[in-house]
Amino acid sequence: MTAKYLVGMELDVTQVSNNNTFTDKNQMREDTVEAIGLLQQLGILNGTNGKFNPKGNLTRAEISKILTVTIMLLGEEE
């Protein structure tokens, strides 16, 4: 959802790789692997110990980071 929002807000992601390096990407839905890779390369998602943990729950701190970095990225585009 965050990746689609960034593209919808016309953030220029053409120079950003969507390479997903999480070691558990085989547990992700196929249609989300590249979007998660994009967010990883933008520094929005870091995971833990090289894993994304797609079936895990987000903490308040993690969602706060996602929102903060997303807003900062959009602010840089102006």
C-alpha atoms as a PDB file:
ATOM      1  CA  MET A   1       0.000   0.000   0.000  1.00  0.00           C
ATOM      2  CA  THR A   2       2.829   2.430   0.825  1.00  0.00           C
ATOM      3  CA  ALA A   3       4.630   1.759  -2.465  1.00  0.00           C
ATOM      4  CA  LYS A   4       1.412   2.403  -4.413  1.00  0.00           C
ATOM      5  CA  TYR A   5       0.870   5.610  -2.437  1.00  0.00           C
ATOM      6  CA  LEU A   6       4.371   6.873  -3.268  1.00  0.00           C
ATOM      7  CA  VAL A   7       3.867   6.163  -6.960  1.00  0.00           C
ATOM      8  CA  GLY A   8       0.402   7.766  -6.819  1.00  0.00           C
ATOM      9  CA  MET A   9       1.931  10.868  -5.251  1.00  0.00           C
ATOM     10  CA  GLU A  10       4.311  10.900  -8.223  1.00  0.00           C
ATOM     11  CA  LEU A  11       7.493  10.249  -6.237  1.00  0.00           C
ATOM     12  CA  ASP A  12      10.183   9.630  -8.842  1.00  0.00           C
ATOM     13  CA  VAL A  13      11.265   6.056  -8.159  1.00  0.00           C
ATOM     14  CA  THR A  14      12.663   5.409 -11.635  1.00  0.00           C
ATOM     15  CA  GLN A  15      16.248   5.483 -10.345  1.00  0.00           C
ATOM     16  CA  VAL A  16      15.516   3.239  -7.345  1.00  0.00           C
ATOM     17  CA  SER A  17      15.988  -0.508  -7.559  1.00  0.00           C
ATOM     18  CA  ASN A  18      13.116  -2.742  -6.512  1.00  0.00           C
ATOM     19  CA  ASN A  19      15.551  -5.555  -5.671  1.00  0.00           C
ATOM     20  CA  ASN A  20      14.183  -7.386  -2.645  1.00  0.00           C
ATOM     21  CA  THR A  21      17.085  -8.842  -0.649  1.00  0.00           C
ATOM     22  CA  PHE A  22      15.051 -10.201   2.268  1.00  0.00           C
ATOM     23  CA  THR A  23      15.912 -13.870   2.778  1.00  0.00           C
ATOM     24  CA  ASP A  24      12.274 -14.810   3.388  1.00  0.00           C
ATOM     25  CA  LYS A  25      10.858 -13.285   0.194  1.00  0.00           C
ATOM     26  CA  ASN A  26       9.649 -16.756  -0.821  1.00  0.00           C
ATOM     27  CA  GLN A  27       7.038 -16.374   1.961  1.00  0.00           C
ATOM     28  CA  MET A  28       5.706 -13.100   0.488  1.00  0.00           C
ATOM     29  CA  ARG A  29       2.812 -12.872  -1.915  1.00  0.00           C
ATOM     30  CA  GLU A  30       4.281 -12.817  -5.413  1.00  0.00           C
ATOM     31  CA  ASP A  31       2.595  -9.510  -6.265  1.00  0.00           C
ATOM     32  CA  THR A  32       4.244  -7.753  -3.286  1.00  0.00           C
ATOM     33  CA  VAL A  33       7.887  -8.839  -3.666  1.00  0.00           C
ATOM     34  CA  GLU A  34       8.917  -5.892  -5.871  1.00  0.00           C
ATOM     35  CA  ALA A  35       6.939  -3.303  -3.880  1.00  0.00           C
ATOM     36  CA  ILE A  36       8.556  -4.492  -0.651  1.00  0.00           C
ATOM     37  CA  GLY A  37      11.938  -4.412  -2.408  1.00  0.00           C
ATOM     38  CA  LEU A  38      11.311  -0.799  -3.466  1.00  0.00           C
ATOM     39  CA  LEU A  39      10.450   0.203   0.108  1.00  0.00           C
ATOM     40  CA  GLN A  40      13.544  -1.649   1.308  1.00  0.00           C
ATOM     41  CA  GLN A  41      15.774   0.228  -1.140  1.00  0.00           C
ATOM     42  CA  LEU A  42      14.187   3.553  -0.149  1.00  0.00           C
ATOM     43  CA  GLY A  43      15.045   2.840   3.501  1.00  0.00           C
ATOM     44  CA  ILE A  44      11.419   2.637   4.585  1.00  0.00           C
ATOM     45  CA  LEU A  45      11.635  -1.055   5.514  1.00  0.00           C
ATOM     46  CA  ASN A  46      14.647  -2.682   7.111  1.00  0.00           C
ATOM     47  CA  GLY A  47      13.439  -5.982   8.482  1.00  0.00           C
ATOM     48  CA  THR A  48      15.293  -7.887  11.165  1.00  0.00           C
ATOM     49  CA  ASN A  49      18.342 -10.080  10.630  1.00  0.00           C
ATOM     50  CA  GLY A  50      17.828  -9.985   6.863  1.00  0.00           C
ATOM     51  CA  LYS A  51      14.194 -11.079   7.096  1.00  0.00           C
ATOM     52  CA  PHE A  52      10.988  -9.200   6.441  1.00  0.00           C
ATOM     53  CA  ASN A  53       8.684 -11.563   8.385  1.00  0.00           C
ATOM     54  CA  PRO A  54       5.620 -11.136   6.140  1.00  0.00           C
ATOM     55  CA  LYS A  55       3.315 -12.905   8.593  1.00  0.00           C
ATOM     56  CA  GLY A  56       4.428 -10.826  11.585  1.00  0.00           C
ATOM     57  CA  ASN A  57       2.737  -7.814  13.131  1.00  0.00           C
ATOM     58  CA  LEU A  58       4.050  -4.249  13.000  1.00  0.00           C
ATOM     59  CA  THR A  59       4.828  -2.429  16.211  1.00  0.00           C
ATOM     60  CA  ARG A  60       3.788   1.185  16.759  1.00  0.00           C
ATOM     61  CA  ALA A  61       7.441   2.179  16.346  1.00  0.00           C
ATOM     62  CA  GLU A  62       7.695   0.381  13.002  1.00  0.00           C
ATOM     63  CA  ILE A  63       4.557   1.982  11.573  1.00  0.00           C
ATOM     64  CA  SER A  64       5.735   5.352  12.863  1.00  0.00           C
ATOM     65  CA  LYS A  65       9.022   4.920  10.987  1.00  0.00           C
ATOM     66  CA  ILE A  66       7.209   3.907   7.794  1.00  0.00           C
ATOM     67  CA  LEU A  67       4.983   6.985   7.940  1.00  0.00           C
ATOM     68  CA  THR A  68       7.804   9.354   8.911  1.00  0.00           C
ATOM     69  CA  VAL A  69      10.213   8.237   6.178  1.00  0.00           C
ATOM     70  CA  THR A  70       7.396   8.242   3.599  1.00  0.00           C
ATOM     71  CA  ILE A  71       6.458  11.818   4.481  1.00  0.00           C
ATOM     72  CA  MET A  72      10.112  12.863   4.421  1.00  0.00           C
ATOM     73  CA  LEU A  73      10.599  11.346   0.959  1.00  0.00           C
ATOM     74  CA  LEU A  74       7.551  13.169  -0.367  1.00  0.00           C
ATOM     75  CA  GLY A  75       8.805  16.422   1.175  1.00  0.00           C
ATOM     76  CA  GLU A  76      12.139  16.071  -0.624  1.00  0.00           C
ATOM     77  CA  GLU A  77      10.340  15.940  -3.976  1.00  0.00           C
ATOM     78  CA  GLU A  78       8.957  19.464  -3.619  1.00  0.00           C
END
